[in-house]
Amino acid sequence: MHSLTIVAILIVANCYFTLANPISNLFGAVDTETPPYDVISKGTKYEVRRYRSQLWAQVEYTVDASTDFGDKLSIGFQPLFQYITGKNEKEQKIPMTAPVVMQQVNSDSTRRRMAFIMPASEFTELSQLPKPTDSTVKLIAVNEPLALACITFNMGITSKRVDTREEELRQATTADKIQLVTGRENVRVGGYNPPWTLPWFRKNELCIPLVNQA
C-alpha cells in the first residue's frame, strides 16, 4: 500500500475518533462499547471470562514471516474502518467498539486476522448487519469458544510483548490447573485504544480459550 494512502487513512481515522471521543482518550479512557462477559474466576495475573456470542467483521491478510505482530496493521484496519463508516450496501455507519481483535492465523505467522466486534446493543444477528461492498471484509458469528483466560498489558503491541504475555498466561493458568488450548492461531490479542493514547495508559489484552468450554 502506498505510504500516502496509509497516512490519509490514519488522518481520517484520527479525525473520526477525535470528534467522537474526548481528550481523555489520550490517558487511556475507553468510552466505546465493549463486549459483555462474566468473570468466572481470577488468578494472580489473569481472569477467566465467559463471553456471549459475538458478531465480527473481519479481514485476513498476508505479510512476510518476519513482520512484527504490531506492524502492517493498516492492511486489516483500512477495510474494516471503511466498512463501519459507510462502505456497505446500506451506506450505514456503525459505531466503533473495543477491543480491535488481532490474531495470527497460521503457524509461520504469514497470515493475520483483524476483526471489529459489532456493537451488541445494535446487532444480535448477522442478518441485521449491512453487507460489505469490499469482498475482503467477512461477517461471522462467533459462538465459540466463549470461555477465555485473559491477561492485560500496556504499552504498544509487539511480537515480544505478545510472546511474553502468552508465556505468563500459560504458566499462571497451568499452576492453577486450568488447561488452555495450544497453538498461536487460538491466541486473541485485543487493543482498546486509538493510536494517540499515551503508551503507559494503553490497555491491551491477550486471551486464550479454555480446553473445557462447559
N, C-alpha and C. Protein backbone atom coordinates (compact mmCIF):
# COMPACT_ATOMS: atom_id res chain seq x y z
N MET A 1 0.83 -1.19 0.00
CA MET A 1 0.00 0.00 0.00
C MET A 1 0.87 1.25 0.00
N HIS A 2 0.54 2.24 -0.81
CA HIS A 2 1.31 3.46 -0.91
C HIS A 2 1.31 4.20 0.42
N SER A 3 2.47 4.75 0.79
CA SER A 3 2.61 5.40 2.09
C SER A 3 1.66 6.57 2.25
N LEU A 4 1.41 7.32 1.17
CA LEU A 4 0.48 8.45 1.26
C LEU A 4 -0.94 7.99 1.54
N THR A 5 -1.30 6.82 1.00
CA THR A 5 -2.63 6.27 1.25
C THR A 5 -2.79 5.92 2.71
N ILE A 6 -1.75 5.29 3.29
CA ILE A 6 -1.79 4.93 4.71
C ILE A 6 -1.92 6.17 5.58
N VAL A 7 -1.14 7.20 5.25
CA VAL A 7 -1.20 8.45 6.02
C VAL A 7 -2.60 9.05 5.95
N ALA A 8 -3.20 9.04 4.75
CA ALA A 8 -4.54 9.60 4.59
C ALA A 8 -5.56 8.83 5.43
N ILE A 9 -5.44 7.51 5.45
CA ILE A 9 -6.35 6.68 6.24
C ILE A 9 -6.23 7.01 7.71
N LEU A 10 -4.99 7.12 8.19
CA LEU A 10 -4.77 7.41 9.61
C LEU A 10 -5.28 8.80 9.97
N ILE A 11 -5.14 9.76 9.06
CA ILE A 11 -5.65 11.11 9.33
C ILE A 11 -7.17 11.09 9.45
N VAL A 12 -7.82 10.38 8.53
CA VAL A 12 -9.29 10.29 8.58
C VAL A 12 -9.73 9.59 9.85
N ALA A 13 -9.06 8.48 10.19
CA ALA A 13 -9.41 7.75 11.41
C ALA A 13 -9.19 8.63 12.63
N ASN A 14 -8.09 9.37 12.62
CA ASN A 14 -7.80 10.25 13.75
C ASN A 14 -8.90 11.29 13.93
N CYS A 15 -9.33 11.92 12.84
CA CYS A 15 -10.41 12.92 12.91
C CYS A 15 -11.70 12.29 13.40
N TYR A 16 -12.00 11.09 12.89
CA TYR A 16 -13.23 10.41 13.27
C TYR A 16 -13.29 10.15 14.77
N PHE A 17 -12.21 9.61 15.32
CA PHE A 17 -12.20 9.27 16.73
C PHE A 17 -12.04 10.49 17.62
N THR A 18 -11.31 11.51 17.13
CA THR A 18 -11.15 12.72 17.92
C THR A 18 -12.47 13.43 18.09
N LEU A 19 -13.26 13.48 17.03
CA LEU A 19 -14.57 14.13 17.12
C LEU A 19 -15.52 13.32 17.97
N ALA A 20 -15.35 11.99 17.96
CA ALA A 20 -16.28 11.12 18.68
C ALA A 20 -15.92 10.95 20.15
N ASN A 21 -14.66 11.24 20.51
CA ASN A 21 -14.20 10.95 21.85
C ASN A 21 -13.48 12.15 22.45
N PRO A 22 -13.53 12.31 23.75
CA PRO A 22 -12.86 13.42 24.42
C PRO A 22 -11.36 13.20 24.51
N ILE A 23 -10.67 14.25 24.96
CA ILE A 23 -9.22 14.19 25.08
C ILE A 23 -8.77 13.16 26.12
N SER A 24 -9.72 12.71 26.94
CA SER A 24 -9.38 11.70 27.96
C SER A 24 -8.87 10.42 27.32
N ASN A 25 -9.16 10.22 26.01
CA ASN A 25 -8.60 9.05 25.31
C ASN A 25 -7.08 9.06 25.34
N LEU A 26 -6.51 10.25 25.42
CA LEU A 26 -5.05 10.37 25.48
C LEU A 26 -4.50 9.63 26.68
N PHE A 27 -5.31 9.58 27.76
CA PHE A 27 -4.88 8.95 29.01
C PHE A 27 -5.56 7.61 29.24
N GLY A 28 -6.03 7.00 28.16
CA GLY A 28 -6.49 5.62 28.23
C GLY A 28 -7.97 5.41 28.47
N ALA A 29 -8.77 6.47 28.50
CA ALA A 29 -10.21 6.29 28.71
C ALA A 29 -10.80 5.51 27.53
N VAL A 30 -11.62 4.51 27.84
CA VAL A 30 -12.31 3.72 26.82
C VAL A 30 -13.79 4.03 26.92
N ASP A 31 -14.31 4.80 25.98
CA ASP A 31 -15.71 5.20 26.05
C ASP A 31 -16.52 4.65 24.89
N THR A 32 -16.01 3.61 24.25
CA THR A 32 -16.77 2.90 23.23
C THR A 32 -17.32 1.62 23.83
N GLU A 33 -18.32 1.05 23.17
CA GLU A 33 -18.95 -0.18 23.67
C GLU A 33 -17.95 -1.34 23.65
N THR A 34 -17.98 -2.15 24.68
CA THR A 34 -17.15 -3.35 24.76
C THR A 34 -18.05 -4.57 24.92
N PRO A 35 -17.60 -5.74 24.48
CA PRO A 35 -18.45 -6.93 24.55
C PRO A 35 -18.68 -7.37 25.99
N PRO A 36 -19.91 -7.70 26.34
CA PRO A 36 -20.20 -8.12 27.72
C PRO A 36 -19.64 -9.50 28.03
N TYR A 37 -19.27 -9.70 29.29
CA TYR A 37 -18.79 -11.01 29.74
C TYR A 37 -18.99 -11.12 31.25
N ASP A 38 -18.93 -12.35 31.74
CA ASP A 38 -18.98 -12.63 33.17
C ASP A 38 -17.61 -13.16 33.60
N VAL A 39 -17.14 -12.75 34.74
CA VAL A 39 -15.87 -13.25 35.28
C VAL A 39 -16.14 -14.55 36.03
N ILE A 40 -15.53 -15.64 35.56
CA ILE A 40 -15.71 -16.95 36.18
C ILE A 40 -14.78 -17.11 37.38
N SER A 41 -13.53 -16.70 37.21
CA SER A 41 -12.55 -16.80 38.28
C SER A 41 -11.41 -15.84 38.01
N LYS A 42 -10.60 -15.59 39.04
CA LYS A 42 -9.45 -14.70 38.90
C LYS A 42 -8.20 -15.37 39.44
N GLY A 43 -7.10 -15.20 38.71
CA GLY A 43 -5.80 -15.65 39.18
C GLY A 43 -4.97 -14.45 39.58
N THR A 44 -3.71 -14.67 39.86
CA THR A 44 -2.86 -13.56 40.30
C THR A 44 -2.57 -12.58 39.17
N LYS A 45 -2.56 -13.06 37.93
CA LYS A 45 -2.24 -12.19 36.80
C LYS A 45 -3.30 -12.17 35.72
N TYR A 46 -4.36 -12.91 35.90
CA TYR A 46 -5.33 -13.09 34.82
C TYR A 46 -6.72 -13.29 35.39
N GLU A 47 -7.71 -13.30 34.48
CA GLU A 47 -9.05 -13.71 34.87
C GLU A 47 -9.65 -14.57 33.77
N VAL A 48 -10.53 -15.47 34.18
CA VAL A 48 -11.24 -16.33 33.23
C VAL A 48 -12.63 -15.74 33.03
N ARG A 49 -12.96 -15.50 31.77
CA ARG A 49 -14.21 -14.85 31.42
C ARG A 49 -15.08 -15.75 30.55
N ARG A 50 -16.39 -15.56 30.68
CA ARG A 50 -17.32 -16.21 29.77
C ARG A 50 -18.02 -15.11 28.97
N TYR A 51 -17.76 -15.10 27.68
CA TYR A 51 -18.35 -14.10 26.80
C TYR A 51 -19.66 -14.61 26.21
N ARG A 52 -20.46 -13.69 25.77
CA ARG A 52 -21.65 -14.05 25.00
C ARG A 52 -21.25 -14.15 23.52
N SER A 53 -22.16 -14.68 22.72
CA SER A 53 -21.89 -14.77 21.28
C SER A 53 -21.64 -13.36 20.72
N GLN A 54 -20.77 -13.29 19.72
CA GLN A 54 -20.40 -12.01 19.13
C GLN A 54 -20.54 -12.06 17.62
N LEU A 55 -20.70 -10.90 17.02
CA LEU A 55 -20.69 -10.75 15.57
C LEU A 55 -19.42 -9.98 15.21
N TRP A 56 -18.65 -10.52 14.29
CA TRP A 56 -17.40 -9.89 13.88
C TRP A 56 -17.45 -9.48 12.42
N ALA A 57 -16.86 -8.34 12.10
CA ALA A 57 -16.44 -8.02 10.74
C ALA A 57 -14.94 -8.22 10.74
N GLN A 58 -14.45 -9.09 9.87
CA GLN A 58 -13.04 -9.44 9.93
C GLN A 58 -12.39 -9.44 8.55
N VAL A 59 -11.07 -9.27 8.57
CA VAL A 59 -10.26 -9.30 7.35
C VAL A 59 -9.05 -10.18 7.62
N GLU A 60 -8.72 -11.05 6.68
CA GLU A 60 -7.48 -11.81 6.75
C GLU A 60 -6.54 -11.31 5.65
N TYR A 61 -5.26 -11.25 5.99
CA TYR A 61 -4.29 -10.73 5.02
C TYR A 61 -2.95 -11.39 5.24
N THR A 62 -2.07 -11.23 4.26
CA THR A 62 -0.77 -11.90 4.27
C THR A 62 0.35 -10.88 4.47
N VAL A 63 1.32 -11.25 5.28
CA VAL A 63 2.51 -10.43 5.50
C VAL A 63 3.74 -11.33 5.42
N ASP A 64 4.92 -10.72 5.40
CA ASP A 64 6.15 -11.51 5.47
C ASP A 64 6.25 -12.16 6.84
N ALA A 65 6.89 -13.31 6.90
CA ALA A 65 7.01 -14.05 8.16
C ALA A 65 7.76 -13.26 9.22
N SER A 66 8.61 -12.34 8.80
CA SER A 66 9.41 -11.56 9.74
C SER A 66 8.66 -10.32 10.27
N THR A 67 7.45 -10.09 9.81
CA THR A 67 6.70 -8.90 10.21
C THR A 67 6.31 -8.97 11.68
N ASP A 68 6.64 -7.93 12.44
CA ASP A 68 6.29 -7.88 13.85
C ASP A 68 4.77 -7.89 14.00
N PHE A 69 4.30 -8.41 15.12
CA PHE A 69 2.85 -8.53 15.34
C PHE A 69 2.16 -7.17 15.25
N GLY A 70 2.84 -6.11 15.66
CA GLY A 70 2.23 -4.79 15.67
C GLY A 70 2.41 -4.00 14.39
N ASP A 71 3.03 -4.59 13.37
CA ASP A 71 3.26 -3.89 12.11
C ASP A 71 2.24 -4.30 11.05
N LYS A 72 2.13 -3.48 10.04
CA LYS A 72 1.24 -3.73 8.89
C LYS A 72 -0.24 -3.81 9.30
N LEU A 73 -0.59 -3.25 10.44
CA LEU A 73 -1.98 -3.34 10.91
C LEU A 73 -2.94 -2.57 10.01
N SER A 74 -2.44 -1.57 9.30
CA SER A 74 -3.32 -0.78 8.43
C SER A 74 -3.93 -1.62 7.32
N ILE A 75 -3.28 -2.74 6.97
CA ILE A 75 -3.83 -3.60 5.92
C ILE A 75 -5.19 -4.15 6.34
N GLY A 76 -5.30 -4.53 7.61
CA GLY A 76 -6.58 -5.01 8.11
C GLY A 76 -7.49 -3.89 8.55
N PHE A 77 -6.91 -2.84 9.12
CA PHE A 77 -7.72 -1.75 9.68
C PHE A 77 -8.47 -0.98 8.61
N GLN A 78 -7.81 -0.70 7.49
CA GLN A 78 -8.42 0.14 6.45
C GLN A 78 -9.79 -0.36 5.98
N PRO A 79 -9.91 -1.60 5.50
CA PRO A 79 -11.22 -2.04 5.01
C PRO A 79 -12.27 -2.15 6.11
N LEU A 80 -11.85 -2.47 7.34
CA LEU A 80 -12.81 -2.56 8.43
C LEU A 80 -13.32 -1.18 8.82
N PHE A 81 -12.42 -0.21 8.88
CA PHE A 81 -12.81 1.15 9.20
C PHE A 81 -13.73 1.71 8.13
N GLN A 82 -13.43 1.42 6.87
CA GLN A 82 -14.29 1.89 5.78
C GLN A 82 -15.67 1.23 5.86
N TYR A 83 -15.69 -0.05 6.25
CA TYR A 83 -16.98 -0.74 6.39
C TYR A 83 -17.87 -0.06 7.42
N ILE A 84 -17.34 0.24 8.60
CA ILE A 84 -18.20 0.81 9.65
C ILE A 84 -18.51 2.29 9.41
N THR A 85 -17.76 2.94 8.52
CA THR A 85 -18.05 4.34 8.24
C THR A 85 -18.86 4.52 6.96
N GLY A 86 -19.44 3.40 6.45
CA GLY A 86 -20.41 3.54 5.38
C GLY A 86 -20.12 2.80 4.09
N LYS A 87 -18.97 2.11 3.99
CA LYS A 87 -18.70 1.36 2.78
C LYS A 87 -19.38 0.00 2.88
N ASN A 88 -20.71 0.03 2.77
CA ASN A 88 -21.52 -1.18 2.80
C ASN A 88 -22.77 -0.92 1.98
N GLU A 89 -23.55 -1.96 1.73
CA GLU A 89 -24.68 -1.83 0.80
C GLU A 89 -25.73 -0.82 1.26
N LYS A 90 -25.84 -0.58 2.55
CA LYS A 90 -26.81 0.38 3.06
C LYS A 90 -26.19 1.75 3.34
N GLU A 91 -24.89 1.87 3.10
CA GLU A 91 -24.14 3.09 3.44
C GLU A 91 -24.41 3.49 4.89
N GLN A 92 -24.47 2.47 5.73
CA GLN A 92 -24.82 2.64 7.15
C GLN A 92 -23.56 2.80 7.99
N LYS A 93 -23.60 3.75 8.91
CA LYS A 93 -22.49 3.94 9.84
C LYS A 93 -22.73 3.07 11.07
N ILE A 94 -21.67 2.42 11.51
CA ILE A 94 -21.74 1.52 12.66
C ILE A 94 -20.77 2.02 13.72
N PRO A 95 -21.20 2.14 14.96
CA PRO A 95 -20.31 2.65 16.00
C PRO A 95 -19.07 1.77 16.18
N MET A 96 -17.96 2.43 16.44
CA MET A 96 -16.72 1.72 16.76
C MET A 96 -16.85 1.09 18.13
N THR A 97 -16.28 -0.10 18.30
CA THR A 97 -16.26 -0.77 19.60
C THR A 97 -14.81 -1.06 19.99
N ALA A 98 -14.63 -1.59 21.15
CA ALA A 98 -13.32 -2.05 21.61
C ALA A 98 -13.50 -3.40 22.28
N PRO A 99 -12.50 -4.28 22.19
CA PRO A 99 -11.22 -4.07 21.53
C PRO A 99 -11.25 -4.42 20.06
N VAL A 100 -10.21 -3.97 19.34
CA VAL A 100 -9.94 -4.48 18.00
C VAL A 100 -9.18 -5.79 18.19
N VAL A 101 -9.67 -6.86 17.57
CA VAL A 101 -9.09 -8.19 17.77
C VAL A 101 -8.06 -8.48 16.68
N MET A 102 -6.90 -8.98 17.10
CA MET A 102 -5.82 -9.34 16.17
C MET A 102 -5.37 -10.76 16.45
N GLN A 103 -5.14 -11.52 15.38
CA GLN A 103 -4.72 -12.90 15.52
C GLN A 103 -3.71 -13.27 14.45
N GLN A 104 -2.87 -14.23 14.79
CA GLN A 104 -2.02 -14.89 13.82
C GLN A 104 -2.75 -16.15 13.39
N VAL A 105 -2.98 -16.31 12.10
CA VAL A 105 -3.86 -17.39 11.64
C VAL A 105 -3.11 -18.69 11.42
N ASN A 106 -1.83 -18.63 11.00
CA ASN A 106 -1.11 -19.87 10.72
C ASN A 106 0.19 -19.93 11.51
N SER A 107 0.83 -21.08 11.50
CA SER A 107 1.99 -21.32 12.36
C SER A 107 3.21 -20.51 11.96
N ASP A 108 3.35 -20.15 10.69
CA ASP A 108 4.55 -19.41 10.27
C ASP A 108 4.34 -17.90 10.31
N SER A 109 3.22 -17.46 10.85
CA SER A 109 2.88 -16.05 11.10
C SER A 109 2.71 -15.20 9.85
N THR A 110 2.54 -15.81 8.69
CA THR A 110 2.36 -15.02 7.47
C THR A 110 0.92 -14.58 7.26
N ARG A 111 -0.02 -15.29 7.86
CA ARG A 111 -1.43 -14.91 7.74
C ARG A 111 -1.89 -14.26 9.03
N ARG A 112 -2.51 -13.11 8.91
CA ARG A 112 -3.00 -12.36 10.05
C ARG A 112 -4.50 -12.10 9.90
N ARG A 113 -5.14 -11.88 11.03
CA ARG A 113 -6.57 -11.55 11.04
C ARG A 113 -6.79 -10.35 11.94
N MET A 114 -7.63 -9.43 11.48
CA MET A 114 -8.09 -8.34 12.32
C MET A 114 -9.60 -8.32 12.28
N ALA A 115 -10.22 -8.04 13.43
CA ALA A 115 -11.68 -8.04 13.50
C ALA A 115 -12.18 -6.88 14.34
N PHE A 116 -13.28 -6.28 13.90
CA PHE A 116 -14.04 -5.33 14.71
C PHE A 116 -15.25 -6.09 15.25
N ILE A 117 -15.49 -5.99 16.53
CA ILE A 117 -16.67 -6.62 17.14
C ILE A 117 -17.85 -5.69 16.95
N MET A 118 -18.91 -6.17 16.35
CA MET A 118 -20.08 -5.35 16.10
C MET A 118 -20.81 -5.07 17.42
N PRO A 119 -21.32 -3.85 17.61
CA PRO A 119 -21.96 -3.49 18.89
C PRO A 119 -23.18 -4.36 19.19
N ALA A 120 -23.12 -5.06 20.32
CA ALA A 120 -24.21 -5.96 20.71
C ALA A 120 -25.48 -5.18 21.02
N SER A 121 -25.35 -3.91 21.33
CA SER A 121 -26.53 -3.09 21.63
C SER A 121 -27.36 -2.80 20.39
N GLU A 122 -26.78 -3.00 19.21
CA GLU A 122 -27.48 -2.69 17.96
C GLU A 122 -27.73 -3.91 17.09
N PHE A 123 -26.88 -4.93 17.21
CA PHE A 123 -26.99 -6.08 16.32
C PHE A 123 -26.91 -7.37 17.13
N THR A 124 -27.85 -8.26 16.90
CA THR A 124 -27.86 -9.55 17.58
C THR A 124 -27.79 -10.72 16.59
N GLU A 125 -27.98 -10.45 15.30
CA GLU A 125 -27.94 -11.49 14.28
C GLU A 125 -27.19 -10.96 13.06
N LEU A 126 -26.54 -11.87 12.35
CA LEU A 126 -25.79 -11.48 11.16
C LEU A 126 -26.67 -10.79 10.12
N SER A 127 -27.91 -11.23 10.03
CA SER A 127 -28.81 -10.68 9.01
C SER A 127 -29.10 -9.19 9.24
N GLN A 128 -28.84 -8.71 10.43
CA GLN A 128 -29.08 -7.30 10.73
C GLN A 128 -27.95 -6.39 10.27
N LEU A 129 -26.79 -6.97 10.00
CA LEU A 129 -25.64 -6.19 9.58
C LEU A 129 -25.70 -5.87 8.09
N PRO A 130 -25.32 -4.65 7.69
CA PRO A 130 -25.26 -4.34 6.27
C PRO A 130 -24.14 -5.12 5.60
N LYS A 131 -24.37 -5.57 4.39
CA LYS A 131 -23.37 -6.37 3.70
C LYS A 131 -22.22 -5.49 3.22
N PRO A 132 -21.00 -5.96 3.40
CA PRO A 132 -19.83 -5.18 2.93
C PRO A 132 -19.82 -5.11 1.40
N THR A 133 -19.31 -4.01 0.88
CA THR A 133 -19.10 -3.91 -0.56
C THR A 133 -17.65 -4.27 -0.92
N ASP A 134 -16.81 -4.40 0.09
CA ASP A 134 -15.44 -4.86 -0.08
C ASP A 134 -15.41 -6.36 0.20
N SER A 135 -15.00 -7.14 -0.78
CA SER A 135 -15.06 -8.60 -0.65
C SER A 135 -14.07 -9.14 0.38
N THR A 136 -13.10 -8.34 0.81
CA THR A 136 -12.15 -8.81 1.81
C THR A 136 -12.74 -8.78 3.22
N VAL A 137 -13.83 -8.05 3.40
CA VAL A 137 -14.48 -7.96 4.71
C VAL A 137 -15.51 -9.08 4.82
N LYS A 138 -15.36 -9.92 5.82
CA LYS A 138 -16.28 -11.03 6.05
C LYS A 138 -17.02 -10.83 7.37
N LEU A 139 -18.29 -11.15 7.39
CA LEU A 139 -19.11 -11.07 8.59
C LEU A 139 -19.31 -12.48 9.14
N ILE A 140 -18.98 -12.68 10.41
CA ILE A 140 -19.11 -14.00 11.00
C ILE A 140 -19.73 -13.91 12.39
N ALA A 141 -20.39 -14.99 12.77
CA ALA A 141 -20.91 -15.12 14.14
C ALA A 141 -19.93 -15.97 14.93
N VAL A 142 -19.46 -15.45 16.07
CA VAL A 142 -18.52 -16.16 16.93
C VAL A 142 -19.31 -16.72 18.10
N ASN A 143 -19.68 -17.98 18.00
CA ASN A 143 -20.48 -18.63 19.04
C ASN A 143 -19.64 -19.47 19.99
N GLU A 144 -18.40 -19.73 19.61
CA GLU A 144 -17.47 -20.47 20.46
C GLU A 144 -16.05 -20.21 19.96
N PRO A 145 -15.02 -20.34 20.81
CA PRO A 145 -15.13 -20.60 22.24
C PRO A 145 -15.55 -19.34 22.98
N LEU A 146 -16.26 -19.53 24.08
CA LEU A 146 -16.78 -18.41 24.85
C LEU A 146 -16.06 -18.23 26.18
N ALA A 147 -15.38 -19.28 26.67
CA ALA A 147 -14.62 -19.18 27.91
C ALA A 147 -13.16 -18.92 27.58
N LEU A 148 -12.66 -17.77 28.03
CA LEU A 148 -11.31 -17.34 27.70
C LEU A 148 -10.57 -16.92 28.96
N ALA A 149 -9.28 -17.25 29.02
CA ALA A 149 -8.40 -16.72 30.06
C ALA A 149 -7.70 -15.50 29.47
N CYS A 150 -7.73 -14.38 30.19
CA CYS A 150 -7.22 -13.13 29.64
C CYS A 150 -6.24 -12.46 30.59
N ILE A 151 -5.17 -11.92 30.01
CA ILE A 151 -4.18 -11.16 30.75
C ILE A 151 -4.06 -9.78 30.11
N THR A 152 -3.92 -8.75 30.92
CA THR A 152 -3.90 -7.37 30.44
C THR A 152 -2.49 -6.82 30.49
N PHE A 153 -2.15 -5.96 29.50
CA PHE A 153 -0.85 -5.30 29.50
C PHE A 153 -0.97 -3.94 28.82
N ASN A 154 0.04 -3.09 29.06
CA ASN A 154 0.02 -1.76 28.47
C ASN A 154 1.12 -1.63 27.42
N MET A 155 1.45 -0.38 27.06
CA MET A 155 2.43 -0.07 26.02
C MET A 155 1.92 -0.56 24.66
N GLY A 156 2.81 -0.57 23.66
CA GLY A 156 2.41 -0.97 22.32
C GLY A 156 2.34 -2.48 22.18
N ILE A 157 1.65 -2.92 21.13
CA ILE A 157 1.55 -4.35 20.85
C ILE A 157 2.69 -4.74 19.91
N THR A 158 3.58 -5.57 20.42
CA THR A 158 4.72 -6.07 19.64
C THR A 158 4.79 -7.58 19.77
N SER A 159 5.53 -8.20 18.88
CA SER A 159 5.70 -9.66 18.96
C SER A 159 6.32 -10.07 20.29
N LYS A 160 7.30 -9.30 20.76
CA LYS A 160 7.96 -9.63 22.02
C LYS A 160 6.98 -9.57 23.18
N ARG A 161 6.16 -8.52 23.25
CA ARG A 161 5.19 -8.41 24.35
C ARG A 161 4.12 -9.48 24.26
N VAL A 162 3.68 -9.80 23.05
CA VAL A 162 2.69 -10.86 22.88
C VAL A 162 3.25 -12.19 23.34
N ASP A 163 4.49 -12.49 22.95
CA ASP A 163 5.13 -13.74 23.36
C ASP A 163 5.26 -13.81 24.89
N THR A 164 5.69 -12.68 25.47
CA THR A 164 5.89 -12.65 26.93
C THR A 164 4.59 -12.85 27.67
N ARG A 165 3.53 -12.17 27.24
CA ARG A 165 2.24 -12.28 27.93
C ARG A 165 1.62 -13.66 27.73
N GLU A 166 1.81 -14.25 26.55
CA GLU A 166 1.29 -15.60 26.33
C GLU A 166 1.98 -16.59 27.28
N GLU A 167 3.29 -16.47 27.41
CA GLU A 167 4.02 -17.36 28.31
C GLU A 167 3.57 -17.16 29.75
N GLU A 168 3.40 -15.90 30.18
CA GLU A 168 2.95 -15.61 31.55
C GLU A 168 1.57 -16.20 31.81
N LEU A 169 0.68 -16.05 30.83
CA LEU A 169 -0.69 -16.55 31.00
C LEU A 169 -0.70 -18.07 31.07
N ARG A 170 0.04 -18.71 30.20
CA ARG A 170 0.06 -20.18 30.19
C ARG A 170 0.68 -20.72 31.48
N GLN A 171 1.73 -20.10 31.98
CA GLN A 171 2.35 -20.56 33.21
C GLN A 171 1.42 -20.37 34.41
N ALA A 172 0.73 -19.21 34.44
CA ALA A 172 -0.16 -18.93 35.57
C ALA A 172 -1.35 -19.86 35.59
N THR A 173 -1.94 -20.12 34.43
CA THR A 173 -3.11 -21.00 34.39
C THR A 173 -2.71 -22.45 34.64
N THR A 174 -1.55 -22.85 34.16
CA THR A 174 -1.07 -24.21 34.44
C THR A 174 -0.89 -24.41 35.93
N ALA A 175 -0.34 -23.42 36.61
CA ALA A 175 -0.16 -23.51 38.07
C ALA A 175 -1.49 -23.64 38.78
N ASP A 176 -2.54 -23.05 38.20
CA ASP A 176 -3.88 -23.12 38.79
C ASP A 176 -4.70 -24.28 38.24
N LYS A 177 -4.03 -25.17 37.49
CA LYS A 177 -4.67 -26.37 36.91
C LYS A 177 -5.81 -26.01 35.96
N ILE A 178 -5.61 -24.95 35.21
CA ILE A 178 -6.54 -24.56 34.14
C ILE A 178 -5.86 -24.84 32.82
N GLN A 179 -6.49 -25.63 31.98
CA GLN A 179 -5.88 -26.04 30.73
C GLN A 179 -6.36 -25.16 29.58
N LEU A 180 -5.40 -24.58 28.86
CA LEU A 180 -5.70 -23.73 27.71
C LEU A 180 -5.39 -24.47 26.41
N VAL A 181 -6.09 -24.11 25.36
CA VAL A 181 -5.81 -24.72 24.06
C VAL A 181 -4.43 -24.28 23.59
N THR A 182 -3.79 -25.09 22.76
CA THR A 182 -2.46 -24.79 22.25
C THR A 182 -2.57 -24.14 20.88
N GLY A 183 -1.45 -23.59 20.40
CA GLY A 183 -1.41 -23.03 19.07
C GLY A 183 -1.60 -21.53 19.06
N ARG A 184 -0.67 -20.80 18.42
CA ARG A 184 -0.76 -19.34 18.37
C ARG A 184 -2.03 -18.88 17.63
N GLU A 185 -2.55 -19.69 16.73
CA GLU A 185 -3.74 -19.29 15.99
C GLU A 185 -4.95 -19.14 16.89
N ASN A 186 -4.90 -19.69 18.10
CA ASN A 186 -6.01 -19.58 19.04
C ASN A 186 -5.86 -18.39 19.99
N VAL A 187 -4.75 -17.68 19.88
CA VAL A 187 -4.50 -16.55 20.77
C VAL A 187 -5.15 -15.29 20.18
N ARG A 188 -5.93 -14.61 21.00
CA ARG A 188 -6.56 -13.36 20.58
C ARG A 188 -5.88 -12.19 21.31
N VAL A 189 -5.43 -11.22 20.55
CA VAL A 189 -4.86 -10.01 21.12
C VAL A 189 -5.83 -8.87 20.87
N GLY A 190 -6.18 -8.14 21.91
CA GLY A 190 -7.14 -7.05 21.78
C GLY A 190 -6.53 -5.72 22.14
N GLY A 191 -6.75 -4.72 21.29
CA GLY A 191 -6.30 -3.37 21.56
C GLY A 191 -7.50 -2.45 21.79
N TYR A 192 -7.49 -1.72 22.89
CA TYR A 192 -8.65 -0.92 23.29
C TYR A 192 -8.56 0.56 22.93
N ASN A 193 -7.39 1.04 22.55
CA ASN A 193 -7.18 2.48 22.47
C ASN A 193 -6.85 2.95 21.06
N PRO A 194 -7.14 4.22 20.77
CA PRO A 194 -6.72 4.81 19.49
C PRO A 194 -5.21 5.03 19.48
N PRO A 195 -4.64 5.31 18.31
CA PRO A 195 -3.18 5.41 18.19
C PRO A 195 -2.54 6.49 19.05
N TRP A 196 -3.27 7.55 19.37
CA TRP A 196 -2.66 8.66 20.10
C TRP A 196 -2.68 8.50 21.62
N THR A 197 -3.25 7.42 22.13
CA THR A 197 -3.20 7.18 23.58
C THR A 197 -1.75 6.99 24.02
N LEU A 198 -1.37 7.64 25.11
CA LEU A 198 -0.01 7.51 25.61
C LEU A 198 0.29 6.04 25.96
N PRO A 199 1.47 5.54 25.60
CA PRO A 199 1.77 4.12 25.76
C PRO A 199 1.52 3.57 27.17
N TRP A 200 1.85 4.36 28.20
CA TRP A 200 1.73 3.88 29.59
C TRP A 200 0.28 3.69 30.00
N PHE A 201 -0.65 4.34 29.27
CA PHE A 201 -2.07 4.27 29.62
C PHE A 201 -2.84 3.35 28.69
N ARG A 202 -2.16 2.72 27.76
CA ARG A 202 -2.84 1.85 26.81
C ARG A 202 -3.32 0.58 27.50
N LYS A 203 -4.45 0.06 27.03
CA LYS A 203 -4.97 -1.21 27.53
C LYS A 203 -4.99 -2.22 26.40
N ASN A 204 -4.24 -3.29 26.57
CA ASN A 204 -4.23 -4.40 25.64
C ASN A 204 -4.52 -5.68 26.41
N GLU A 205 -5.02 -6.66 25.71
CA GLU A 205 -5.30 -7.95 26.35
C GLU A 205 -4.86 -9.08 25.44
N LEU A 206 -4.47 -10.15 26.07
CA LEU A 206 -4.20 -11.40 25.36
C LEU A 206 -5.08 -12.46 25.99
N CYS A 207 -5.88 -13.12 25.15
CA CYS A 207 -6.85 -14.10 25.62
C CYS A 207 -6.66 -15.43 24.90
N ILE A 208 -6.79 -16.52 25.65
CA ILE A 208 -6.67 -17.87 25.10
C ILE A 208 -7.86 -18.71 25.57
N PRO A 209 -8.52 -19.44 24.69
CA PRO A 209 -9.66 -20.26 25.09
C PRO A 209 -9.27 -21.39 26.04
N LEU A 210 -10.18 -21.74 26.92
CA LEU A 210 -10.01 -22.90 27.79
C LEU A 210 -10.34 -24.17 27.00
N VAL A 211 -9.67 -25.24 27.35
CA VAL A 211 -9.97 -26.53 26.72
C VAL A 211 -11.39 -26.96 27.09
N ASN A 212 -11.74 -26.85 28.37
CA ASN A 212 -13.09 -27.21 28.82
C ASN A 212 -14.00 -26.02 28.68
N GLN A 213 -14.89 -26.05 27.72
CA GLN A 213 -15.80 -24.94 27.46
C GLN A 213 -17.16 -25.13 28.15
N ALA A 214 -17.26 -26.13 29.01
CA ALA A 214 -18.55 -26.39 29.67
C ALA A 214 -18.91 -25.27 30.63
